C-alpha cells in the first residue's frame, strides 16, 4: 500500500534515519479513529519524538486531504 504522500517507507527505514550519525526525531500526529496509535507511539518514542492524537483535521490545525 502506498501512503498519501506517495512514499512507501518501512519502519526499519524510519528507525535508521540519521544525519552524520545523529538520529532524527520523528513526531507523529494521528488524526481520527482509524490510527494505529501504538505504532505511532512506538515510532515516536524510539526516534526521540512524541505522538499527538487528534480527533479531526481542524483540531490538528490542518486542512483535510
PDB file of N, CA and C in Angstrom:
ATOM      1  N   UNK A   1       0.832  -1.174   0.000  1.00  0.00           N
ATOM      2  CA  UNK A   1       0.000   0.000   0.000  1.00  0.00           C
ATOM      3  C   UNK A   1       0.880   1.242   0.000  1.00  0.00           C
ATOM      4  N   UNK A   2       0.506   2.223  -0.799  1.00  0.00           N
ATOM      5  CA  UNK A   2       1.247   3.476  -0.854  1.00  0.00           C
ATOM      6  C   UNK A   2       0.528   4.521  -0.006  1.00  0.00           C
ATOM      7  N   UNK A   3       1.239   5.157   0.926  1.00  0.00           N
ATOM      8  CA  UNK A   3       0.616   6.176   1.769  1.00  0.00           C
ATOM      9  C   UNK A   3       0.248   7.416   0.964  1.00  0.00           C
ATOM     10  N   UNK A   4      -0.555   8.306   1.561  1.00  0.00           N
ATOM     11  CA  UNK A   4      -0.995   9.501   0.834  1.00  0.00           C
ATOM     12  C   UNK A   4       0.137  10.372   0.281  1.00  0.00           C
ATOM     13  N   UNK A   5       1.298  10.356   0.936  1.00  0.00           N
ATOM     14  CA  UNK A   5       2.393  11.193   0.436  1.00  0.00           C
ATOM     15  C   UNK A   5       3.091  10.559  -0.760  1.00  0.00           C
ATOM     16  N   UNK A   6       2.711   9.308  -1.097  1.00  0.00           N
ATOM     17  CA  UNK A   6       3.270   8.634  -2.257  1.00  0.00           C
ATOM     18  C   UNK A   6       4.631   8.012  -2.026  1.00  0.00           C
ATOM     19  N   UNK A   7       5.111   8.033  -0.793  1.00  0.00           N
ATOM     20  CA  UNK A   7       6.433   7.496  -0.490  1.00  0.00           C
ATOM     21  C   UNK A   7       6.282   6.319   0.475  1.00  0.00           C
ATOM     22  N   UNK A   8       6.439   5.121  -0.024  1.00  0.00           N
ATOM     23  CA  UNK A   8       6.341   3.934   0.822  1.00  0.00           C
ATOM     24  C   UNK A   8       7.626   3.806   1.644  1.00  0.00           C
ATOM     25  N   UNK A   9       7.477   3.814   2.952  1.00  0.00           N
ATOM     26  CA  UNK A   9       8.623   3.750   3.857  1.00  0.00           C
ATOM     27  C   UNK A   9       8.345   2.709   4.925  1.00  0.00           C
ATOM     28  N   UNK A  10       9.312   1.842   5.175  1.00  0.00           N
ATOM     29  CA  UNK A  10       9.140   0.821   6.208  1.00  0.00           C
ATOM     30  C   UNK A  10       9.601   1.369   7.550  1.00  0.00           C
ATOM     31  N   UNK A  11       9.166   0.702   8.623  1.00  0.00           N
ATOM     32  CA  UNK A  11       9.620   1.104   9.957  1.00  0.00           C
ATOM     33  C   UNK A  11      11.131   0.981  10.080  1.00  0.00           C
ATOM     34  N   UNK A  12      11.688  -0.066   9.494  1.00  0.00           N
ATOM     35  CA  UNK A  12      13.143  -0.247   9.565  1.00  0.00           C
ATOM     36  C   UNK A  12      13.867   0.939   8.939  1.00  0.00           C
ATOM     37  N   UNK A  13      13.327   1.466   7.827  1.00  0.00           N
ATOM     38  CA  UNK A  13      13.944   2.636   7.192  1.00  0.00           C
ATOM     39  C   UNK A  13      13.818   3.863   8.082  1.00  0.00           C
ATOM     40  N   UNK A  14      12.665   4.028   8.713  1.00  0.00           N
ATOM     41  CA  UNK A  14      12.476   5.178   9.603  1.00  0.00           C
ATOM     42  C   UNK A  14      13.385   5.085  10.816  1.00  0.00           C
ATOM     43  N   UNK A  15      13.524   3.876  11.386  1.00  0.00           N
ATOM     44  CA  UNK A  15      14.398   3.699  12.542  1.00  0.00           C
ATOM     45  C   UNK A  15      15.844   4.023  12.203  1.00  0.00           C
ATOM     46  N   UNK A  16      16.213   3.881  10.953  1.00  0.00           N
ATOM     47  CA  UNK A  16      17.586   4.129  10.540  1.00  0.00           C
ATOM     48  C   UNK A  16      17.879   5.564  10.136  1.00  0.00           C
ATOM     49  N   UNK A  17      16.894   6.461  10.214  1.00  0.00           N
ATOM     50  CA  UNK A  17      17.125   7.850   9.805  1.00  0.00           C
ATOM     51  C   UNK A  17      18.162   8.521  10.690  1.00  0.00           C
ATOM     52  N   UNK A  18      19.173   9.076  10.073  1.00  0.00           N
ATOM     53  CA  UNK A  18      20.175   9.824  10.817  1.00  0.00           C
ATOM     54  C   UNK A  18      20.909  10.760   9.869  1.00  0.00           C
ATOM     55  N   UNK A  19      21.480  11.792  10.449  1.00  0.00           N
ATOM     56  CA  UNK A  19      22.309  12.729   9.699  1.00  0.00           C
ATOM     57  C   UNK A  19      23.636  12.797  10.443  1.00  0.00           C
ATOM     58  N   UNK A  20      24.688  12.447   9.771  1.00  0.00           N
ATOM     59  CA  UNK A  20      26.016  12.420  10.389  1.00  0.00           C
ATOM     60  C   UNK A  20      26.019  11.607  11.675  1.00  0.00           C
ATOM     61  N   UNK A  21      25.256  10.505  11.677  1.00  0.00           N
ATOM     62  CA  UNK A  21      25.228   9.613  12.826  1.00  0.00           C
ATOM     63  C   UNK A  21      24.295  10.047  13.950  1.00  0.00           C
ATOM     64  N   UNK A  22      23.577  11.143  13.774  1.00  0.00           N
ATOM     65  CA  UNK A  22      22.653  11.629  14.803  1.00  0.00           C
ATOM     66  C   UNK A  22      21.230  11.271  14.385  1.00  0.00           C
ATOM     67  N   UNK A  23      20.488  10.579  15.269  1.00  0.00           N
ATOM     68  CA  UNK A  23      19.104  10.216  14.951  1.00  0.00           C
ATOM     69  C   UNK A  23      18.255  11.461  14.760  1.00  0.00           C
ATOM     70  N   UNK A  24      17.323  11.380  13.844  1.00  0.00           N
ATOM     71  CA  UNK A  24      16.398  12.474  13.564  1.00  0.00           C
ATOM     72  C   UNK A  24      15.119  12.216  14.348  1.00  0.00           C
ATOM     73  N   UNK A  25      14.718  13.114  15.252  1.00  0.00           N
ATOM     74  CA  UNK A  25      13.471  12.905  15.995  1.00  0.00           C
ATOM     75  C   UNK A  25      12.276  12.893  15.042  1.00  0.00           C
ATOM     76  N   UNK A  26      11.346  11.990  15.295  1.00  0.00           N
ATOM     77  CA  UNK A  26      10.132  11.907  14.495  1.00  0.00           C
ATOM     78  C   UNK A  26       8.949  12.160  15.410  1.00  0.00           C
ATOM     79  N   UNK A  27       8.155  13.144  15.046  1.00  0.00           N
ATOM     80  CA  UNK A  27       6.932  13.473  15.763  1.00  0.00           C
ATOM     81  C   UNK A  27       5.781  13.030  14.866  1.00  0.00           C
ATOM     82  N   UNK A  28       4.836  12.269  15.417  1.00  0.00           N
ATOM     83  CA  UNK A  28       3.718  11.790  14.617  1.00  0.00           C
ATOM     84  C   UNK A  28       2.412  12.359  15.148  1.00  0.00           C
ATOM     85  N   UNK A  29       1.463  12.547  14.227  1.00  0.00           N
ATOM     86  CA  UNK A  29       0.128  13.035  14.567  1.00  0.00           C
ATOM     87  C   UNK A  29      -0.878  12.071  13.956  1.00  0.00           C
ATOM     88  N   UNK A  30      -1.700  11.472  14.804  1.00  0.00           N
ATOM     89  CA  UNK A  30      -2.762  10.597  14.332  1.00  0.00           C
ATOM     90  C   UNK A  30      -4.068  11.361  14.299  1.00  0.00           C
ATOM     91  N   UNK A  31      -4.738  11.377  13.149  1.00  0.00           N
ATOM     92  CA  UNK A  31      -5.985  12.104  13.009  1.00  0.00           C
ATOM     93  C   UNK A  31      -7.129  11.115  12.794  1.00  0.00           C
ATOM     94  N   UNK A  32      -8.133  11.180  13.644  1.00  0.00           N
ATOM     95  CA  UNK A  32      -9.285  10.303  13.520  1.00  0.00           C
ATOM     96  C   UNK A  32      -9.176   9.075  14.392  1.00  0.00           C
ATOM     97  N   UNK A  33     -10.055   8.117  14.116  1.00  0.00           N
ATOM     98  CA  UNK A  33     -10.140   6.930  14.971  1.00  0.00           C
ATOM     99  C   UNK A  33      -9.533   5.686  14.342  1.00  0.00           C
ATOM    100  N   UNK A  34      -9.091   5.774  13.098  1.00  0.00           N
ATOM    101  CA  UNK A  34      -8.538   4.609  12.411  1.00  0.00           C
ATOM    102  C   UNK A  34      -7.014   4.657  12.369  1.00  0.00           C
ATOM    103  N   UNK A  35      -6.425   5.127  13.453  1.00  0.00           N
ATOM    104  CA  UNK A  35      -4.981   5.284  13.541  1.00  0.00           C
ATOM    105  C   UNK A  35      -4.411   4.173  14.417  1.00  0.00           C
ATOM    106  N   UNK A  36      -3.297   3.610  13.999  1.00  0.00           N
ATOM    107  CA  UNK A  36      -2.606   2.618  14.825  1.00  0.00           C
ATOM    108  C   UNK A  36      -1.783   3.399  15.852  1.00  0.00           C
ATOM    109  N   UNK A  37      -2.431   3.764  16.973  1.00  0.00           N
ATOM    110  CA  UNK A  37      -1.792   4.626  17.965  1.00  0.00           C
ATOM    111  C   UNK A  37      -0.557   3.987  18.580  1.00  0.00           C
ATOM    112  N   UNK A  38      -0.598   2.688  18.820  1.00  0.00           N
ATOM    113  CA  UNK A  38       0.562   2.034  19.418  1.00  0.00           C
ATOM    114  C   UNK A  38       1.769   2.117  18.497  1.00  0.00           C
ATOM    115  N   UNK A  39       1.560   1.915  17.217  1.00  0.00           N
ATOM    116  CA  UNK A  39       2.648   2.026  16.246  1.00  0.00           C
ATOM    117  C   UNK A  39       3.190   3.450  16.206  1.00  0.00           C
ATOM    118  N   UNK A  40       2.298   4.434  16.200  1.00  0.00           N
ATOM    119  CA  UNK A  40       2.711   5.838  16.191  1.00  0.00           C
ATOM    120  C   UNK A  40       3.539   6.169  17.443  1.00  0.00           C
ATOM    121  N   UNK A  41       3.070   5.710  18.601  1.00  0.00           N
ATOM    122  CA  UNK A  41       3.800   5.961  19.853  1.00  0.00           C
ATOM    123  C   UNK A  41       5.168   5.283  19.839  1.00  0.00           C
ATOM    124  N   UNK A  42       5.183   4.034  19.374  1.00  0.00           N
ATOM    125  CA  UNK A  42       6.432   3.267  19.338  1.00  0.00           C
ATOM    126  C   UNK A  42       7.468   3.971  18.455  1.00  0.00           C
ATOM    127  N   UNK A  43       7.058   4.383  17.269  1.00  0.00           N
ATOM    128  CA  UNK A  43       7.968   5.059  16.349  1.00  0.00           C
ATOM    129  C   UNK A  43       8.475   6.369  16.959  1.00  0.00           C
ATOM    130  N   UNK A  44       7.575   7.156  17.488  1.00  0.00           N
ATOM    131  CA  UNK A  44       7.956   8.449  18.061  1.00  0.00           C
ATOM    132  C   UNK A  44       8.908   8.274  19.239  1.00  0.00           C
ATOM    133  N   UNK A  45       8.582   7.361  20.142  1.00  0.00           N
ATOM    134  CA  UNK A  45       9.447   7.124  21.310  1.00  0.00           C
ATOM    135  C   UNK A  45      10.844   6.676  20.883  1.00  0.00           C
ATOM    136  N   UNK A  46      10.880   5.722  19.975  1.00  0.00           N
ATOM    137  CA  UNK A  46      12.154   5.177  19.520  1.00  0.00           C
ATOM    138  C   UNK A  46      13.034   6.256  18.895  1.00  0.00           C
ATOM    139  N   UNK A  47      12.405   7.183  18.181  1.00  0.00           N
ATOM    140  CA  UNK A  47      13.156   8.212  17.455  1.00  0.00           C
ATOM    141  C   UNK A  47      13.307   9.520  18.238  1.00  0.00           C
ATOM    142  N   UNK A  48      12.889   9.538  19.503  1.00  0.00           N
ATOM    143  CA  UNK A  48      13.103  10.712  20.334  1.00  0.00           C
ATOM    144  C   UNK A  48      12.086  11.822  20.136  1.00  0.00           C
ATOM    145  N   UNK A  49      10.960  11.503  19.510  1.00  0.00           N
ATOM    146  CA  UNK A  49       9.905  12.493  19.295  1.00  0.00           C
ATOM    147  C   UNK A  49       8.718  12.213  20.191  1.00  0.00           C
ATOM    148  N   UNK A  50       7.549  12.635  19.754  1.00  0.00           N
ATOM    149  CA  UNK A  50       6.320  12.416  20.504  1.00  0.00           C
ATOM    150  C   UNK A  50       5.180  12.119  19.543  1.00  0.00           C
ATOM    151  N   UNK A  51       4.128  11.495  20.083  1.00  0.00           N
ATOM    152  CA  UNK A  51       2.918  11.213  19.322  1.00  0.00           C
ATOM    153  C   UNK A  51       1.803  12.107  19.835  1.00  0.00           C
ATOM    154  N   UNK A  52       1.034  12.677  18.919  1.00  0.00           N
ATOM    155  CA  UNK A  52      -0.110  13.513  19.267  1.00  0.00           C
ATOM    156  C   UNK A  52      -1.356  12.938  18.608  1.00  0.00           C
ATOM    157  N   UNK A  53      -2.412  12.733  19.392  1.00  0.00           N
ATOM    158  CA  UNK A  53      -3.684  12.226  18.868  1.00  0.00           C
ATOM    159  C   UNK A  53      -4.646  13.386  18.695  1.00  0.00           C
ATOM    160  N   UNK A  54      -5.270  13.461  17.539  1.00  0.00           N
ATOM    161  CA  UNK A  54      -6.260  14.496  17.240  1.00  0.00           C
ATOM    162  C   UNK A  54      -7.521  13.821  16.732  1.00  0.00           C
ATOM    163  N   UNK A  55      -8.677  14.375  17.078  1.00  0.00           N
ATOM    164  CA  UNK A  55      -9.937  13.766  16.675  1.00  0.00           C
ATOM    165  C   UNK A  55     -10.312  14.083  15.240  1.00  0.00           C
ATOM    166  N   UNK A  56      -9.844  15.235  14.733  1.00  0.00           N
ATOM    167  CA  UNK A  56     -10.162  15.621  13.355  1.00  0.00           C
ATOM    168  C   UNK A  56      -9.098  16.590  12.843  1.00  0.00           C
ATOM    169  N   UNK A  57      -9.157  16.881  11.550  1.00  0.00           N
ATOM    170  CA  UNK A  57      -8.135  17.738  10.953  1.00  0.00           C
ATOM    171  C   UNK A  57      -8.157  19.154  11.514  1.00  0.00           C
ATOM    172  N   UNK A  58      -9.346  19.677  11.805  1.00  0.00           N
ATOM    173  CA  UNK A  58      -9.444  21.038  12.354  1.00  0.00           C
ATOM    174  C   UNK A  58      -8.703  21.139  13.682  1.00  0.00           C
ATOM    175  N   UNK A  59      -8.829  20.117  14.540  1.00  0.00           N
ATOM    176  CA  UNK A  59      -8.139  20.157  15.831  1.00  0.00           C
ATOM    177  C   UNK A  59      -6.634  19.968  15.672  1.00  0.00           C
ATOM    178  N   UNK A  60      -6.220  19.429  14.513  1.00  0.00           N
ATOM    179  CA  UNK A  60      -4.786  19.285  14.229  1.00  0.00           C
ATOM    180  C   UNK A  60      -4.221  20.549  13.593  1.00  0.00           C
ATOM    181  N   UNK A  61      -5.106  21.468  13.212  1.00  0.00           N
ATOM    182  CA  UNK A  61      -4.656  22.715  12.627  1.00  0.00           C
ATOM    183  C   UNK A  61      -4.263  22.625  11.160  1.00  0.00           C
ATOM    184  N   UNK A  62      -4.806  21.606  10.470  1.00  0.00           N
ATOM    185  CA  UNK A  62      -4.507  21.445   9.048  1.00  0.00           C
ATOM    186  C   UNK A  62      -5.786  21.211   8.267  1.00  0.00           C
ATOM    187  N   UNK A  63      -5.724  21.454   6.963  1.00  0.00           N
ATOM    188  CA  UNK A  63      -6.878  21.212   6.087  1.00  0.00           C
ATOM    189  C   UNK A  63      -7.008  19.720   5.812  1.00  0.00           C
ATOM    190  N   UNK A  64      -8.216  19.242   5.705  1.00  0.00           N
ATOM    191  CA  UNK A  64      -8.451  17.833   5.382  1.00  0.00           C
ATOM    192  C   UNK A  64      -7.965  17.547   3.960  1.00  0.00           C
ATOM    193  N   UNK A  65      -7.425  16.333   3.752  1.00  0.00           N
ATOM    194  CA  UNK A  65      -6.929  15.996   2.408  1.00  0.00           C
ATOM    195  C   UNK A  65      -8.058  15.891   1.395  1.00  0.00           C
TER     196      UNK A  65
END
